[in-house]
PDB file of N, CA and C in Angstrom:
ATOM      1  N   MET A   1       4.163  11.929   6.438  1.00  0.00           N
ATOM      2  CA  MET A   1       3.010  11.474   5.683  1.00  0.00           C
ATOM      3  C   MET A   1       3.471  10.783   4.395  1.00  0.00           C
ATOM      4  N   GLY A   2       4.437   9.907   4.556  1.00  0.00           N
ATOM      5  CA  GLY A   2       5.003   9.217   3.406  1.00  0.00           C
ATOM      6  C   GLY A   2       4.028   8.313   2.683  1.00  0.00           C
ATOM      7  N   GLY A   3       3.245   7.539   3.435  1.00  0.00           N
ATOM      8  CA  GLY A   3       2.279   6.642   2.797  1.00  0.00           C
ATOM      9  C   GLY A   3       1.242   7.398   1.998  1.00  0.00           C
ATOM     10  N   LYS A   4       0.747   8.483   2.543  1.00  0.00           N
ATOM     11  CA  LYS A   4      -0.222   9.305   1.818  1.00  0.00           C
ATOM     12  C   LYS A   4       0.409   9.881   0.564  1.00  0.00           C
ATOM     13  N   GLY A   5       1.660  10.302   0.680  1.00  0.00           N
ATOM     14  CA  GLY A   5       2.368  10.826  -0.486  1.00  0.00           C
ATOM     15  C   GLY A   5       2.507   9.791  -1.585  1.00  0.00           C
ATOM     16  N   VAL A   6       2.802   8.557  -1.204  1.00  0.00           N
ATOM     17  CA  VAL A   6       2.917   7.483  -2.203  1.00  0.00           C
ATOM     18  C   VAL A   6       1.597   7.308  -2.937  1.00  0.00           C
ATOM     19  N   TRP A   7       0.493   7.199  -2.184  1.00  0.00           N
ATOM     20  CA  TRP A   7      -0.820   7.048  -2.829  1.00  0.00           C
ATOM     21  C   TRP A   7      -1.134   8.256  -3.703  1.00  0.00           C
ATOM     22  N   ASP A   8      -0.920   9.464  -3.180  1.00  0.00           N
ATOM     23  CA  ASP A   8      -1.270  10.679  -3.920  1.00  0.00           C
ATOM     24  C   ASP A   8      -0.462  10.820  -5.209  1.00  0.00           C
ATOM     25  N   ILE A   9       0.835  10.594  -5.135  1.00  0.00           N
ATOM     26  CA  ILE A   9       1.662  10.693  -6.341  1.00  0.00           C
ATOM     27  C   ILE A   9       1.268   9.622  -7.345  1.00  0.00           C
ATOM     28  N   ALA A  10       1.019   8.421  -6.867  1.00  0.00           N
ATOM     29  CA  ALA A  10       0.602   7.342  -7.778  1.00  0.00           C
ATOM     30  C   ALA A  10      -0.733   7.663  -8.431  1.00  0.00           C
ATOM     31  N   LEU A  11      -1.654   8.239  -7.679  1.00  0.00           N
ATOM     32  CA  LEU A  11      -2.947   8.617  -8.248  1.00  0.00           C
ATOM     33  C   LEU A  11      -2.792   9.718  -9.290  1.00  0.00           C
ATOM     34  N   TYR A  12      -1.907  10.646  -9.022  1.00  0.00           N
ATOM     35  CA  TYR A  12      -1.711  11.784  -9.908  1.00  0.00           C
ATOM     36  C   TYR A  12      -0.971  11.401 -11.196  1.00  0.00           C
ATOM     37  N   SER A  13      -0.017  10.491 -11.075  1.00  0.00           N
ATOM     38  CA  SER A  13       0.790  10.122 -12.240  1.00  0.00           C
ATOM     39  C   SER A  13       1.040   8.616 -12.261  1.00  0.00           C
ATOM     40  N   SER A  14      -0.031   7.855 -12.342  1.00  0.00           N
ATOM     41  CA  SER A  14       0.063   6.394 -12.258  1.00  0.00           C
ATOM     42  C   SER A  14       0.872   5.779 -13.394  1.00  0.00           C
ATOM     43  N   LYS A  15       1.009   6.454 -14.514  1.00  0.00           N
ATOM     44  CA  LYS A  15       1.781   5.904 -15.629  1.00  0.00           C
ATOM     45  C   LYS A  15       3.279   6.099 -15.443  1.00  0.00           C
ATOM     46  N   THR A  16       3.672   6.866 -14.445  1.00  0.00           N
ATOM     47  CA  THR A  16       5.083   7.117 -14.178  1.00  0.00           C
ATOM     48  C   THR A  16       5.718   5.953 -13.422  1.00  0.00           C
ATOM     49  N   PHE A  17       4.928   5.247 -12.651  1.00  0.00           N
ATOM     50  CA  PHE A  17       5.457   4.203 -11.779  1.00  0.00           C
ATOM     51  C   PHE A  17       4.994   2.820 -12.217  1.00  0.00           C
ATOM     52  N   TYR A  18       5.854   1.848 -11.937  1.00  0.00           N
ATOM     53  CA  TYR A  18       5.531   0.452 -12.205  1.00  0.00           C
ATOM     54  C   TYR A  18       5.071  -0.246 -10.930  1.00  0.00           C
ATOM     55  N   LYS A  19       5.673   0.147  -9.789  1.00  0.00           N
ATOM     56  CA  LYS A  19       5.359  -0.460  -8.499  1.00  0.00           C
ATOM     57  C   LYS A  19       5.320   0.615  -7.418  1.00  0.00           C
ATOM     58  N   ILE A  20       4.450   0.381  -6.437  1.00  0.00           N
ATOM     59  CA  ILE A  20       4.429   1.227  -5.243  1.00  0.00           C
ATOM     60  C   ILE A  20       4.252   0.339  -4.015  1.00  0.00           C
ATOM     61  N   ALA A  21       4.778   0.811  -2.895  1.00  0.00           N
ATOM     62  CA  ALA A  21       4.643   0.083  -1.629  1.00  0.00           C
ATOM     63  C   ALA A  21       4.278   1.075  -0.525  1.00  0.00           C
ATOM     64  N   PRO A  22       3.027   1.547  -0.518  1.00  0.00           N
ATOM     65  CA  PRO A  22       2.614   2.512   0.506  1.00  0.00           C
ATOM     66  C   PRO A  22       2.465   1.856   1.878  1.00  0.00           C
ATOM     67  N   LEU A  23       2.857   2.604   2.900  1.00  0.00           N
ATOM     68  CA  LEU A  23       2.781   2.123   4.276  1.00  0.00           C
ATOM     69  C   LEU A  23       1.720   2.902   5.042  1.00  0.00           C
ATOM     70  N   SER A  24       0.941   2.199   5.832  1.00  0.00           N
ATOM     71  CA  SER A  24       0.068   2.791   6.856  1.00  0.00           C
ATOM     72  C   SER A  24      -0.692   4.034   6.419  1.00  0.00           C
ATOM     73  N   ILE A  25      -1.585   3.896   5.490  1.00  0.00           N
ATOM     74  CA  ILE A  25      -2.309   5.081   5.069  1.00  0.00           C
ATOM     75  C   ILE A  25      -3.722   4.751   4.633  1.00  0.00           C
ATOM     76  N   ASN A  26      -4.597   5.695   4.853  1.00  0.00           N
ATOM     77  CA  ASN A  26      -5.967   5.581   4.354  1.00  0.00           C
ATOM     78  C   ASN A  26      -5.995   5.967   2.881  1.00  0.00           C
ATOM     79  N   ILE A  27      -6.718   5.216   2.111  1.00  0.00           N
ATOM     80  CA  ILE A  27      -7.005   5.602   0.735  1.00  0.00           C
ATOM     81  C   ILE A  27      -8.484   5.322   0.532  1.00  0.00           C
ATOM     82  N   LYS A  28      -9.162   6.270  -0.058  1.00  0.00           N
ATOM     83  CA  LYS A  28     -10.594   6.104  -0.274  1.00  0.00           C
ATOM     84  C   LYS A  28     -10.840   5.153  -1.429  1.00  0.00           C
ATOM     85  N   THR A  29     -11.771   4.250  -1.226  1.00  0.00           N
ATOM     86  CA  THR A  29     -12.137   3.301  -2.265  1.00  0.00           C
ATOM     87  C   THR A  29     -13.202   3.946  -3.141  1.00  0.00           C
ATOM     88  N   THR A  30     -12.732   4.681  -4.138  1.00  0.00           N
ATOM     89  CA  THR A  30     -13.636   5.310  -5.096  1.00  0.00           C
ATOM     90  C   THR A  30     -13.360   4.740  -6.478  1.00  0.00           C
ATOM     91  N   LYS A  31     -14.313   4.869  -7.361  1.00  0.00           N
ATOM     92  CA  LYS A  31     -14.129   4.399  -8.739  1.00  0.00           C
ATOM     93  C   LYS A  31     -12.927   5.091  -9.381  1.00  0.00           C
ATOM     94  N   GLU A  32     -12.769   6.385  -9.142  1.00  0.00           N
ATOM     95  CA  GLU A  32     -11.658   7.140  -9.715  1.00  0.00           C
ATOM     96  C   GLU A  32     -10.314   6.600  -9.227  1.00  0.00           C
ATOM     97  N   ASN A  33     -10.204   6.336  -7.930  1.00  0.00           N
ATOM     98  CA  ASN A  33      -8.950   5.807  -7.389  1.00  0.00           C
ATOM     99  C   ASN A  33      -8.665   4.406  -7.909  1.00  0.00           C
ATOM    100  N   LEU A  34      -9.682   3.569  -7.949  1.00  0.00           N
ATOM    101  CA  LEU A  34      -9.494   2.218  -8.463  1.00  0.00           C
ATOM    102  C   LEU A  34      -9.063   2.251  -9.924  1.00  0.00           C
ATOM    103  N   ASP A  35      -9.713   3.062 -10.732  1.00  0.00           N
ATOM    104  CA  ASP A  35      -9.358   3.170 -12.152  1.00  0.00           C
ATOM    105  C   ASP A  35      -7.940   3.691 -12.342  1.00  0.00           C
ATOM    106  N   ALA A  36      -7.554   4.672 -11.540  1.00  0.00           N
ATOM    107  CA  ALA A  36      -6.223   5.264 -11.675  1.00  0.00           C
ATOM    108  C   ALA A  36      -5.113   4.275 -11.351  1.00  0.00           C
ATOM    109  N   LEU A  37      -5.381   3.331 -10.472  1.00  0.00           N
ATOM    110  CA  LEU A  37      -4.333   2.414 -10.006  1.00  0.00           C
ATOM    111  C   LEU A  37      -4.493   0.988 -10.521  1.00  0.00           C
ATOM    112  N   LYS A  38      -5.378   0.779 -11.454  1.00  0.00           N
ATOM    113  CA  LYS A  38      -5.688  -0.583 -11.894  1.00  0.00           C
ATOM    114  C   LYS A  38      -4.545  -1.288 -12.610  1.00  0.00           C
ATOM    115  N   ASN A  39      -3.539  -0.548 -13.075  1.00  0.00           N
ATOM    116  CA  ASN A  39      -2.431  -1.178 -13.795  1.00  0.00           C
ATOM    117  C   ASN A  39      -1.119  -1.177 -13.029  1.00  0.00           C
ATOM    118  N   LEU A  40      -1.151  -0.720 -11.794  1.00  0.00           N
ATOM    119  CA  LEU A  40       0.069  -0.658 -10.979  1.00  0.00           C
ATOM    120  C   LEU A  40       0.267  -1.932 -10.171  1.00  0.00           C
ATOM    121  N   ASN A  41       1.516  -2.269  -9.929  1.00  0.00           N
ATOM    122  CA  ASN A  41       1.856  -3.298  -8.959  1.00  0.00           C
ATOM    123  C   ASN A  41       1.854  -2.612  -7.597  1.00  0.00           C
ATOM    124  N   ILE A  42       1.023  -3.102  -6.699  1.00  0.00           N
ATOM    125  CA  ILE A  42       0.849  -2.448  -5.398  1.00  0.00           C
ATOM    126  C   ILE A  42       1.097  -3.462  -4.284  1.00  0.00           C
ATOM    127  N   TRP A  43       1.910  -3.059  -3.342  1.00  0.00           N
ATOM    128  CA  TRP A  43       2.105  -3.855  -2.131  1.00  0.00           C
ATOM    129  C   TRP A  43       1.880  -2.906  -0.957  1.00  0.00           C
ATOM    130  N   ALA A  44       0.687  -2.898  -0.434  1.00  0.00           N
ATOM    131  CA  ALA A  44       0.352  -2.065   0.724  1.00  0.00           C
ATOM    132  C   ALA A  44       0.749  -2.806   1.994  1.00  0.00           C
ATOM    133  N   ILE A  45       1.248  -2.046   2.950  1.00  0.00           N
ATOM    134  CA  ILE A  45       1.732  -2.640   4.191  1.00  0.00           C
ATOM    135  C   ILE A  45       1.187  -1.824   5.358  1.00  0.00           C
ATOM    136  N   VAL A  46       0.497  -2.506   6.267  1.00  0.00           N
ATOM    137  CA  VAL A  46      -0.111  -1.844   7.416  1.00  0.00           C
ATOM    138  C   VAL A  46       0.171  -2.645   8.686  1.00  0.00           C
ATOM    139  N   GLY A  47       0.017  -1.988   9.817  1.00  0.00           N
ATOM    140  CA  GLY A  47       0.188  -2.655  11.101  1.00  0.00           C
ATOM    141  C   GLY A  47      -1.152  -2.870  11.776  1.00  0.00           C
ATOM    142  N   SER A  48      -1.345  -4.042  12.325  1.00  0.00           N
ATOM    143  CA  SER A  48      -2.628  -4.361  12.977  1.00  0.00           C
ATOM    144  C   SER A  48      -2.866  -3.509  14.220  1.00  0.00           C
ATOM    145  N   ALA A  49      -1.799  -3.029  14.852  1.00  0.00           N
ATOM    146  CA  ALA A  49      -1.934  -2.250  16.081  1.00  0.00           C
ATOM    147  C   ALA A  49      -1.798  -0.742  15.836  1.00  0.00           C
ATOM    148  N   ASP A  50      -1.974  -0.320  14.596  1.00  0.00           N
ATOM    149  CA  ASP A  50      -1.856   1.106  14.258  1.00  0.00           C
ATOM    150  C   ASP A  50      -3.061   1.854  14.828  1.00  0.00           C
ATOM    151  N   THR A  51      -2.811   2.779  15.733  1.00  0.00           N
ATOM    152  CA  THR A  51      -3.887   3.573  16.327  1.00  0.00           C
ATOM    153  C   THR A  51      -3.962   4.973  15.722  1.00  0.00           C
ATOM    154  N   ILE A  52      -3.049   5.277  14.797  1.00  0.00           N
ATOM    155  CA  ILE A  52      -3.045   6.584  14.139  1.00  0.00           C
ATOM    156  C   ILE A  52      -3.812   6.517  12.824  1.00  0.00           C
ATOM    157  N   VAL A  53      -3.569   5.475  12.050  1.00  0.00           N
ATOM    158  CA  VAL A  53      -4.248   5.271  10.770  1.00  0.00           C
ATOM    159  C   VAL A  53      -4.890   3.885  10.787  1.00  0.00           C
ATOM    160  N   ASP A  54      -6.185   3.853  10.622  1.00  0.00           N
ATOM    161  CA  ASP A  54      -6.917   2.594  10.633  1.00  0.00           C
ATOM    162  C   ASP A  54      -6.472   1.720   9.455  1.00  0.00           C
ATOM    163  N   PRO A  55      -5.907   0.551   9.718  1.00  0.00           N
ATOM    164  CA  PRO A  55      -5.445  -0.314   8.634  1.00  0.00           C
ATOM    165  C   PRO A  55      -6.579  -0.820   7.738  1.00  0.00           C
ATOM    166  N   ASN A  56      -7.808  -0.757   8.221  1.00  0.00           N
ATOM    167  CA  ASN A  56      -8.929  -1.273   7.438  1.00  0.00           C
ATOM    168  C   ASN A  56      -9.155  -0.519   6.134  1.00  0.00           C
ATOM    169  N   ALA A  57      -8.805   0.754   6.078  1.00  0.00           N
ATOM    170  CA  ALA A  57      -8.984   1.513   4.831  1.00  0.00           C
ATOM    171  C   ALA A  57      -8.114   0.924   3.723  1.00  0.00           C
ATOM    172  N   SER A  58      -6.863   0.634   4.023  1.00  0.00           N
ATOM    173  CA  SER A  58      -5.984   0.022   3.028  1.00  0.00           C
ATOM    174  C   SER A  58      -6.436  -1.398   2.702  1.00  0.00           C
ATOM    175  N   ILE A  59      -6.862  -2.131   3.706  1.00  0.00           N
ATOM    176  CA  ILE A  59      -7.330  -3.500   3.489  1.00  0.00           C
ATOM    177  C   ILE A  59      -8.531  -3.495   2.555  1.00  0.00           C
ATOM    178  N   GLU A  60      -9.483  -2.626   2.823  1.00  0.00           N
ATOM    179  CA  GLU A  60     -10.685  -2.539   1.974  1.00  0.00           C
ATOM    180  C   GLU A  60     -10.334  -2.120   0.553  1.00  0.00           C
ATOM    181  N   PHE A  61      -9.415  -1.161   0.404  1.00  0.00           N
ATOM    182  CA  PHE A  61      -9.026  -0.719  -0.927  1.00  0.00           C
ATOM    183  C   PHE A  61      -8.393  -1.866  -1.709  1.00  0.00           C
ATOM    184  N   ILE A  62      -7.482  -2.585  -1.081  1.00  0.00           N
ATOM    185  CA  ILE A  62      -6.811  -3.693  -1.772  1.00  0.00           C
ATOM    186  C   ILE A  62      -7.819  -4.785  -2.127  1.00  0.00           C
ATOM    187  N   GLU A  63      -8.757  -5.071  -1.245  1.00  0.00           N
ATOM    188  CA  GLU A  63      -9.793  -6.061  -1.567  1.00  0.00           C
ATOM    189  C   GLU A  63     -10.565  -5.656  -2.820  1.00  0.00           C
ATOM    190  N   GLU A  64     -10.864  -4.369  -2.951  1.00  0.00           N
ATOM    191  CA  GLU A  64     -11.611  -3.893  -4.124  1.00  0.00           C
ATOM    192  C   GLU A  64     -10.747  -3.854  -5.380  1.00  0.00           C
ATOM    193  N   ILE A  65      -9.525  -3.387  -5.252  1.00  0.00           N
ATOM    194  CA  ILE A  65      -8.700  -3.281  -6.457  1.00  0.00           C
ATOM    195  C   ILE A  65      -8.302  -4.660  -6.985  1.00  0.00           C
ATOM    196  N   LEU A  66      -8.265  -5.649  -6.115  1.00  0.00           N
ATOM    197  CA  LEU A  66      -7.961  -7.014  -6.570  1.00  0.00           C
ATOM    198  C   LEU A  66      -8.997  -7.536  -7.567  1.00  0.00           C
ATOM    199  N   LYS A  67     -10.159  -6.943  -7.575  1.00  0.00           N
ATOM    200  CA  LYS A  67     -11.200  -7.346  -8.531  1.00  0.00           C
ATOM    201  C   LYS A  67     -10.839  -6.929  -9.952  1.00  0.00           C
ATOM    202  N   ILE A  68      -9.951  -5.923 -10.100  1.00  0.00           N
ATOM    203  CA  ILE A  68      -9.563  -5.450 -11.429  1.00  0.00           C
ATOM    204  C   ILE A  68      -8.045  -5.439 -11.636  1.00  0.00           C
ATOM    205  N   ASN A  69      -7.292  -5.772 -10.604  1.00  0.00           N
ATOM    206  CA  ASN A  69      -5.835  -5.724 -10.673  1.00  0.00           C
ATOM    207  C   ASN A  69      -5.263  -6.873  -9.845  1.00  0.00           C
ATOM    208  N   GLU A  70      -4.811  -7.892 -10.528  1.00  0.00           N
ATOM    209  CA  GLU A  70      -4.268  -9.059  -9.806  1.00  0.00           C
ATOM    210  C   GLU A  70      -2.874  -8.790  -9.244  1.00  0.00           C
ATOM    211  N   ASN A  71      -2.300  -7.654  -9.553  1.00  0.00           N
ATOM    212  CA  ASN A  71      -0.958  -7.303  -9.088  1.00  0.00           C
ATOM    213  C   ASN A  71      -0.984  -6.402  -7.856  1.00  0.00           C
ATOM    214  N   ALA A  72      -1.946  -6.615  -7.014  1.00  0.00           N
ATOM    215  CA  ALA A  72      -2.048  -5.865  -5.765  1.00  0.00           C
ATOM    216  C   ALA A  72      -2.056  -6.855  -4.603  1.00  0.00           C
ATOM    217  N   LYS A  73      -1.442  -6.435  -3.516  1.00  0.00           N
ATOM    218  CA  LYS A  73      -1.452  -7.277  -2.322  1.00  0.00           C
ATOM    219  C   LYS A  73      -1.273  -6.400  -1.101  1.00  0.00           C
ATOM    220  N   ILE A  74      -1.562  -6.976   0.032  1.00  0.00           N
ATOM    221  CA  ILE A  74      -1.386  -6.260   1.292  1.00  0.00           C
ATOM    222  C   ILE A  74      -0.875  -7.242   2.335  1.00  0.00           C
ATOM    223  N   ILE A  75      -0.037  -6.731   3.202  1.00  0.00           N
ATOM    224  CA  ILE A  75       0.322  -7.509   4.381  1.00  0.00           C
ATOM    225  C   ILE A  75      -0.045  -6.672   5.598  1.00  0.00           C
ATOM    226  N   VAL A  76      -0.561  -7.375   6.569  1.00  0.00           N
ATOM    227  CA  VAL A  76      -0.887  -6.761   7.849  1.00  0.00           C
ATOM    228  C   VAL A  76       0.132  -7.306   8.839  1.00  0.00           C
ATOM    229  N   LEU A  77       0.977  -6.436   9.326  1.00  0.00           N
ATOM    230  CA  LEU A  77       2.009  -6.830  10.271  1.00  0.00           C
ATOM    231  C   LEU A  77       1.396  -6.871  11.670  1.00  0.00           C
ATOM    232  N   GLU A  78       1.290  -8.084  12.207  1.00  0.00           N
ATOM    233  CA  GLU A  78       0.646  -8.284  13.501  1.00  0.00           C
ATOM    234  C   GLU A  78       1.399  -7.566  14.617  1.00  0.00           C
ATOM    235  N   ASN A  79       0.639  -6.859  15.418  1.00  0.00           N
ATOM    236  CA  ASN A  79       1.148  -6.129  16.585  1.00  0.00           C
ATOM    237  C   ASN A  79       2.095  -4.988  16.232  1.00  0.00           C
ATOM    238  N   TYR A  80       2.107  -4.553  14.990  1.00  0.00           N
ATOM    239  CA  TYR A  80       2.914  -3.400  14.593  1.00  0.00           C
ATOM    240  C   TYR A  80       2.069  -2.141  14.727  1.00  0.00           C
ATOM    241  N   GLY A  81       2.629  -1.136  15.382  1.00  0.00           N
ATOM    242  CA  GLY A  81       1.989   0.167  15.448  1.00  0.00           C
ATOM    243  C   GLY A  81       2.403   1.011  14.254  1.00  0.00           C
ATOM    244  N   HIS A  82       1.892   2.223  14.205  1.00  0.00           N
ATOM    245  CA  HIS A  82       2.132   3.114  13.067  1.00  0.00           C
ATOM    246  C   HIS A  82       3.629   3.332  12.809  1.00  0.00           C
ATOM    247  N   PHE A  83       4.397   3.550  13.855  1.00  0.00           N
ATOM    248  CA  PHE A  83       5.806   3.857  13.680  1.00  0.00           C
ATOM    249  C   PHE A  83       6.682   2.605  13.600  1.00  0.00           C
ATOM    250  N   ASP A  84       6.085   1.438  13.748  1.00  0.00           N
ATOM    251  CA  ASP A  84       6.820   0.179  13.589  1.00  0.00           C
ATOM    252  C   ASP A  84       6.807  -0.302  12.140  1.00  0.00           C
ATOM    253  N   VAL A  85       5.785   0.060  11.393  1.00  0.00           N
ATOM    254  CA  VAL A  85       5.598  -0.464  10.033  1.00  0.00           C
ATOM    255  C   VAL A  85       6.804  -0.213   9.126  1.00  0.00           C
ATOM    256  N   PRO A  86       7.462   0.946   9.148  1.00  0.00           N
ATOM    257  CA  PRO A  86       8.609   1.152   8.256  1.00  0.00           C
ATOM    258  C   PRO A  86       9.749   0.153   8.447  1.00  0.00           C
ATOM    259  N   LYS A  87       9.784  -0.531   9.585  1.00  0.00           N
ATOM    260  CA  LYS A  87      10.808  -1.555   9.817  1.00  0.00           C
ATOM    261  C   LYS A  87      10.727  -2.673   8.785  1.00  0.00           C
ATOM    262  N   VAL A  88       9.589  -2.786   8.104  1.00  0.00           N
ATOM    263  CA  VAL A  88       9.425  -3.830   7.102  1.00  0.00           C
ATOM    264  C   VAL A  88      10.466  -3.700   5.988  1.00  0.00           C
ATOM    265  N   TYR A  89      10.923  -2.478   5.724  1.00  0.00           N
ATOM    266  CA  TYR A  89      11.932  -2.276   4.679  1.00  0.00           C
ATOM    267  C   TYR A  89      13.251  -2.963   5.007  1.00  0.00           C
ATOM    268  N   LEU A  90      13.508  -3.189   6.281  1.00  0.00           N
ATOM    269  CA  LEU A  90      14.746  -3.844   6.700  1.00  0.00           C
ATOM    270  C   LEU A  90      14.574  -5.337   6.949  1.00  0.00           C
ATOM    271  N   ASP A  91      13.366  -5.822   6.879  1.00  0.00           N
ATOM    272  CA  ASP A  91      13.061  -7.210   7.215  1.00  0.00           C
ATOM    273  C   ASP A  91      13.282  -8.110   5.990  1.00  0.00           C
ATOM    274  N   THR A  92      14.274  -8.984   6.089  1.00  0.00           N
ATOM    275  CA  THR A  92      14.600  -9.873   4.965  1.00  0.00           C
ATOM    276  C   THR A  92      13.533 -10.945   4.727  1.00  0.00           C
ATOM    277  N   ASN A  93      12.597 -11.082   5.644  1.00  0.00           N
ATOM    278  CA  ASN A  93      11.489 -12.018   5.409  1.00  0.00           C
ATOM    279  C   ASN A  93      10.544 -11.496   4.331  1.00  0.00           C
ATOM    280  N   TYR A  94      10.531 -10.187   4.135  1.00  0.00           N
ATOM    281  CA  TYR A  94       9.635  -9.579   3.151  1.00  0.00           C
ATOM    282  C   TYR A  94      10.369  -9.075   1.909  1.00  0.00           C
ATOM    283  N   ASN A  95      11.569  -8.566   2.051  1.00  0.00           N
ATOM    284  CA  ASN A  95      12.356  -8.063   0.924  1.00  0.00           C
ATOM    285  C   ASN A  95      11.609  -7.046   0.071  1.00  0.00           C
ATOM    286  N   VAL A  96      11.012  -6.056   0.729  1.00  0.00           N
ATOM    287  CA  VAL A  96      10.246  -5.031   0.030  1.00  0.00           C
ATOM    288  C   VAL A  96      11.114  -4.254  -0.951  1.00  0.00           C
ATOM    289  N   ILE A  97      12.315  -3.891  -0.545  1.00  0.00           N
ATOM    290  CA  ILE A  97      13.209  -3.137  -1.424  1.00  0.00           C
ATOM    291  C   ILE A  97      13.513  -3.936  -2.683  1.00  0.00           C
ATOM    292  N   ASP A  98      13.822  -5.218  -2.526  1.00  0.00           N
ATOM    293  CA  ASP A  98      14.093  -6.067  -3.691  1.00  0.00           C
ATOM    294  C   ASP A  98      12.875  -6.136  -4.606  1.00  0.00           C
ATOM    295  N   TRP A  99      11.683  -6.250  -4.003  1.00  0.00           N
ATOM    296  CA  TRP A  99      10.454  -6.299  -4.799  1.00  0.00           C
ATOM    297  C   TRP A  99      10.280  -5.005  -5.594  1.00  0.00           C
ATOM    298  N   LEU A 100      10.526  -3.877  -4.962  1.00  0.00           N
ATOM    299  CA  LEU A 100      10.396  -2.592  -5.647  1.00  0.00           C
ATOM    300  C   LEU A 100      11.371  -2.459  -6.817  1.00  0.00           C
ATOM    301  N   LEU A 101      12.558  -2.997  -6.651  1.00  0.00           N
ATOM    302  CA  LEU A 101      13.600  -2.854  -7.673  1.00  0.00           C
ATOM    303  C   LEU A 101      13.567  -3.935  -8.752  1.00  0.00           C
ATOM    304  N   ASP A 102      12.806  -4.972  -8.534  1.00  0.00           N
ATOM    305  CA  ASP A 102      12.731  -6.087  -9.480  1.00  0.00           C
ATOM    306  C   ASP A 102      11.964  -5.701 -10.733  1.00  0.00           C
TER     307      ASP A 102
END
């Protein structure tokens, strides 16, 4: 439950982190969650073929947080299932690790 952990830790201590890259997880679009994450750099990553976690929850959250945080984005990896999404960390087309460390 790594993606959920990323969201939960960021919500709990959003001032501790500068960037987060949660994978494949539902996050509720609530005023409290949006306010807590409004200053974070967020790169959410989901798979279009995920049958375990509906990618729409992350998509909807990012759409809402973009209204108050221009440093949020999401990529939907086409035909990626839940257990395929972590491969993005190794994909040089995205360079997620470099983005996190920049």
